[in-house]
């Protein structure tokens, strides 16, 4: 048994890579062939779509949140393979930059031994309306 989560489902992409999703999203998402791509901040699940004869990537977290063009979808808890709605948030690029910079500073301080990273009040800063 890989997961013991009563409120989530998972989609296996590779033998050793799974993506967490909400049950209502799993119904539509599990029908597609998904791939993973190593990005700047972690692994991201995507599917291939074709428009006008060209291939594009459509990222799972953007599909789930119906992220509009010009906005970014942020993973609140930092795990890019956790695509449950409670972990995702649509934000402007400017706010996403602030969040990313804050996380970078916190991780640097954690590595230097000033505080435990888990004890930092991240959820207060990361939740934007």
C-alpha atoms as a PDB file:
ATOM      1  CA  UNK A   1       0.000   0.000   0.000  1.00  0.00           C
ATOM      2  CA  UNK A   2       1.508   3.277  -1.091  1.00  0.00           C
ATOM      3  CA  UNK A   3      -0.835   5.773   0.541  1.00  0.00           C
ATOM      4  CA  UNK A   4      -2.965   5.931   3.632  1.00  0.00           C
ATOM      5  CA  UNK A   5      -4.963   9.037   2.743  1.00  0.00           C
ATOM      6  CA  UNK A   6      -8.760   8.681   2.982  1.00  0.00           C
ATOM      7  CA  UNK A   7      -9.429  12.068   1.340  1.00  0.00           C
ATOM      8  CA  UNK A   8      -7.166  11.792  -1.703  1.00  0.00           C
ATOM      9  CA  UNK A   9      -6.457   9.619  -4.714  1.00  0.00           C
ATOM     10  CA  UNK A  10      -3.296   9.150  -6.676  1.00  0.00           C
ATOM     11  CA  UNK A  11      -2.298   8.804 -10.292  1.00  0.00           C
ATOM     12  CA  UNK A  12       0.739   6.666 -10.990  1.00  0.00           C
ATOM     13  CA  UNK A  13       2.870   8.234 -13.712  1.00  0.00           C
ATOM     14  CA  UNK A  14       5.949   6.039 -13.508  1.00  0.00           C
ATOM     15  CA  UNK A  15       6.612   3.025 -11.287  1.00  0.00           C
ATOM     16  CA  UNK A  16       8.163   5.233  -8.622  1.00  0.00           C
ATOM     17  CA  UNK A  17       6.292   8.532  -9.204  1.00  0.00           C
ATOM     18  CA  UNK A  18       2.735   9.214  -8.073  1.00  0.00           C
ATOM     19  CA  UNK A  19       0.696  12.414  -8.024  1.00  0.00           C
ATOM     20  CA  UNK A  20      -1.865  13.168  -5.311  1.00  0.00           C
ATOM     21  CA  UNK A  21      -5.225  14.534  -6.452  1.00  0.00           C
ATOM     22  CA  UNK A  22      -8.688  15.028  -4.987  1.00  0.00           C
ATOM     23  CA  UNK A  23     -11.261  12.285  -5.703  1.00  0.00           C
ATOM     24  CA  UNK A  24     -13.468  14.614  -7.785  1.00  0.00           C
ATOM     25  CA  UNK A  25     -10.480  15.506 -10.003  1.00  0.00           C
ATOM     26  CA  UNK A  26      -9.277  11.908 -10.282  1.00  0.00           C
ATOM     27  CA  UNK A  27     -12.426  10.946 -12.197  1.00  0.00           C
ATOM     28  CA  UNK A  28     -11.413  13.113 -15.171  1.00  0.00           C
ATOM     29  CA  UNK A  29      -7.626  13.083 -14.830  1.00  0.00           C
ATOM     30  CA  UNK A  30      -6.955   9.341 -14.637  1.00  0.00           C
ATOM     31  CA  UNK A  31      -8.274   8.865 -18.200  1.00  0.00           C
ATOM     32  CA  UNK A  32      -5.301  10.754 -19.689  1.00  0.00           C
ATOM     33  CA  UNK A  33      -1.709   9.670 -20.239  1.00  0.00           C
ATOM     34  CA  UNK A  34       0.444  11.793 -17.916  1.00  0.00           C
ATOM     35  CA  UNK A  35       4.177  12.428 -17.952  1.00  0.00           C
ATOM     36  CA  UNK A  36       6.587  14.102 -15.551  1.00  0.00           C
ATOM     37  CA  UNK A  37       9.103  16.834 -16.185  1.00  0.00           C
ATOM     38  CA  UNK A  38      11.856  18.066 -13.908  1.00  0.00           C
ATOM     39  CA  UNK A  39      11.292  21.787 -13.460  1.00  0.00           C
ATOM     40  CA  UNK A  40      13.115  24.508 -11.581  1.00  0.00           C
ATOM     41  CA  UNK A  41      11.364  23.739  -8.282  1.00  0.00           C
ATOM     42  CA  UNK A  42      10.554  20.033  -8.587  1.00  0.00           C
ATOM     43  CA  UNK A  43       8.784  17.448 -10.722  1.00  0.00           C
ATOM     44  CA  UNK A  44       5.597  18.475 -12.555  1.00  0.00           C
ATOM     45  CA  UNK A  45       2.903  16.273 -14.097  1.00  0.00           C
ATOM     46  CA  UNK A  46       1.770  17.189 -17.601  1.00  0.00           C
ATOM     47  CA  UNK A  47      -0.095  15.782 -20.576  1.00  0.00           C
ATOM     48  CA  UNK A  48       0.520  16.348 -24.248  1.00  0.00           C
ATOM     49  CA  UNK A  49      -2.125  18.203 -26.206  1.00  0.00           C
ATOM     50  CA  UNK A  50      -2.197  19.142 -29.857  1.00  0.00           C
ATOM     51  CA  UNK A  51      -3.495  22.407 -31.305  1.00  0.00           C
ATOM     52  CA  UNK A  52      -3.190  23.357 -34.967  1.00  0.00           C
ATOM     53  CA  UNK A  53      -0.760  20.508 -35.545  1.00  0.00           C
ATOM     54  CA  UNK A  54       1.602  21.626 -32.735  1.00  0.00           C
ATOM     55  CA  UNK A  55       2.275  19.763 -29.500  1.00  0.00           C
ATOM     56  CA  UNK A  56       1.950  21.591 -26.172  1.00  0.00           C
ATOM     57  CA  UNK A  57       2.275  20.647 -22.511  1.00  0.00           C
ATOM     58  CA  UNK A  58      -0.716  21.107 -20.246  1.00  0.00           C
ATOM     59  CA  UNK A  59       0.292  20.905 -16.587  1.00  0.00           C
ATOM     60  CA  UNK A  60      -1.962  18.998 -14.204  1.00  0.00           C
ATOM     61  CA  UNK A  61      -2.006  21.640 -11.476  1.00  0.00           C
ATOM     62  CA  UNK A  62      -3.099  24.311 -13.986  1.00  0.00           C
ATOM     63  CA  UNK A  63      -5.877  22.014 -15.280  1.00  0.00           C
ATOM     64  CA  UNK A  64      -7.170  21.319 -11.771  1.00  0.00           C
ATOM     65  CA  UNK A  65      -7.252  24.992 -10.779  1.00  0.00           C
ATOM     66  CA  UNK A  66      -8.321  26.247 -14.245  1.00  0.00           C
ATOM     67  CA  UNK A  67      -5.518  28.773 -14.002  1.00  0.00           C
ATOM     68  CA  UNK A  68      -6.207  31.686 -16.354  1.00  0.00           C
ATOM     69  CA  UNK A  69      -3.581  33.001 -18.736  1.00  0.00           C
ATOM     70  CA  UNK A  70      -1.386  35.572 -16.994  1.00  0.00           C
ATOM     71  CA  UNK A  71      -1.583  33.879 -13.588  1.00  0.00           C
ATOM     72  CA  UNK A  72       0.478  31.152 -11.983  1.00  0.00           C
ATOM     73  CA  UNK A  73      -0.563  28.166  -9.917  1.00  0.00           C
ATOM     74  CA  UNK A  74       1.350  27.935  -6.640  1.00  0.00           C
ATOM     75  CA  UNK A  75       1.912  24.748  -4.607  1.00  0.00           C
ATOM     76  CA  UNK A  76       1.444  26.009  -1.037  1.00  0.00           C
ATOM     77  CA  UNK A  77       3.189  23.105   0.693  1.00  0.00           C
ATOM     78  CA  UNK A  78       6.085  22.992  -1.760  1.00  0.00           C
ATOM     79  CA  UNK A  79       5.427  19.453  -3.014  1.00  0.00           C
ATOM     80  CA  UNK A  80       4.936  19.824  -6.774  1.00  0.00           C
ATOM     81  CA  UNK A  81       3.452  16.327  -7.069  1.00  0.00           C
ATOM     82  CA  UNK A  82       0.702  17.099  -4.530  1.00  0.00           C
ATOM     83  CA  UNK A  83      -2.045  18.458  -6.773  1.00  0.00           C
ATOM     84  CA  UNK A  84      -4.887  18.507  -4.277  1.00  0.00           C
ATOM     85  CA  UNK A  85      -6.896  21.742  -4.275  1.00  0.00           C
ATOM     86  CA  UNK A  86      -5.938  22.476  -0.684  1.00  0.00           C
ATOM     87  CA  UNK A  87      -2.295  22.648  -1.848  1.00  0.00           C
ATOM     88  CA  UNK A  88      -2.922  24.775  -4.944  1.00  0.00           C
ATOM     89  CA  UNK A  89      -3.552  28.478  -5.298  1.00  0.00           C
ATOM     90  CA  UNK A  90      -3.832  30.796  -8.326  1.00  0.00           C
ATOM     91  CA  UNK A  91      -1.726  33.912  -7.847  1.00  0.00           C
ATOM     92  CA  UNK A  92      -0.293  36.712  -9.942  1.00  0.00           C
ATOM     93  CA  UNK A  93       3.316  36.359 -11.117  1.00  0.00           C
ATOM     94  CA  UNK A  94       4.350  39.172  -8.769  1.00  0.00           C
ATOM     95  CA  UNK A  95       2.913  37.450  -5.685  1.00  0.00           C
ATOM     96  CA  UNK A  96       4.349  34.120  -6.822  1.00  0.00           C
ATOM     97  CA  UNK A  97       7.772  35.778  -6.972  1.00  0.00           C
ATOM     98  CA  UNK A  98       7.361  37.052  -3.394  1.00  0.00           C
ATOM     99  CA  UNK A  99       6.378  33.587  -2.186  1.00  0.00           C
ATOM    100  CA  UNK A 100       9.291  31.939  -3.999  1.00  0.00           C
ATOM    101  CA  UNK A 101      11.768  34.469  -2.591  1.00  0.00           C
ATOM    102  CA  UNK A 102      10.383  33.950   0.937  1.00  0.00           C
ATOM    103  CA  UNK A 103      10.757  30.168   0.621  1.00  0.00           C
ATOM    104  CA  UNK A 104      14.305  30.545  -0.679  1.00  0.00           C
ATOM    105  CA  UNK A 105      15.270  32.735   2.303  1.00  0.00           C
ATOM    106  CA  UNK A 106      13.666  30.312   4.781  1.00  0.00           C
ATOM    107  CA  UNK A 107      15.462  27.315   3.277  1.00  0.00           C
ATOM    108  CA  UNK A 108      18.779  29.171   3.381  1.00  0.00           C
ATOM    109  CA  UNK A 109      18.273  30.014   7.065  1.00  0.00           C
ATOM    110  CA  UNK A 110      17.288  26.439   7.790  1.00  0.00           C
ATOM    111  CA  UNK A 111      20.482  25.145   6.164  1.00  0.00           C
ATOM    112  CA  UNK A 112      22.474  27.588   8.285  1.00  0.00           C
ATOM    113  CA  UNK A 113      20.860  26.141  11.411  1.00  0.00           C
ATOM    114  CA  UNK A 114      19.018  29.223  12.681  1.00  0.00           C
ATOM    115  CA  UNK A 115      15.590  27.544  12.961  1.00  0.00           C
ATOM    116  CA  UNK A 116      13.848  24.396  11.908  1.00  0.00           C
ATOM    117  CA  UNK A 117      12.241  24.957   8.504  1.00  0.00           C
ATOM    118  CA  UNK A 118       9.046  23.163   9.579  1.00  0.00           C
ATOM    119  CA  UNK A 119       8.546  25.651  12.436  1.00  0.00           C
ATOM    120  CA  UNK A 120       8.491  28.729  10.209  1.00  0.00           C
ATOM    121  CA  UNK A 121       5.038  30.342   9.821  1.00  0.00           C
ATOM    122  CA  UNK A 122       4.788  29.668   6.081  1.00  0.00           C
ATOM    123  CA  UNK A 123       1.012  29.248   5.825  1.00  0.00           C
ATOM    124  CA  UNK A 124       0.409  32.751   7.170  1.00  0.00           C
ATOM    125  CA  UNK A 125       2.537  34.287   4.456  1.00  0.00           C
ATOM    126  CA  UNK A 126       1.578  31.979   1.616  1.00  0.00           C
ATOM    127  CA  UNK A 127      -2.191  32.355   1.791  1.00  0.00           C
ATOM    128  CA  UNK A 128      -3.209  35.269  -0.384  1.00  0.00           C
ATOM    129  CA  UNK A 129      -6.832  36.099  -1.133  1.00  0.00           C
END
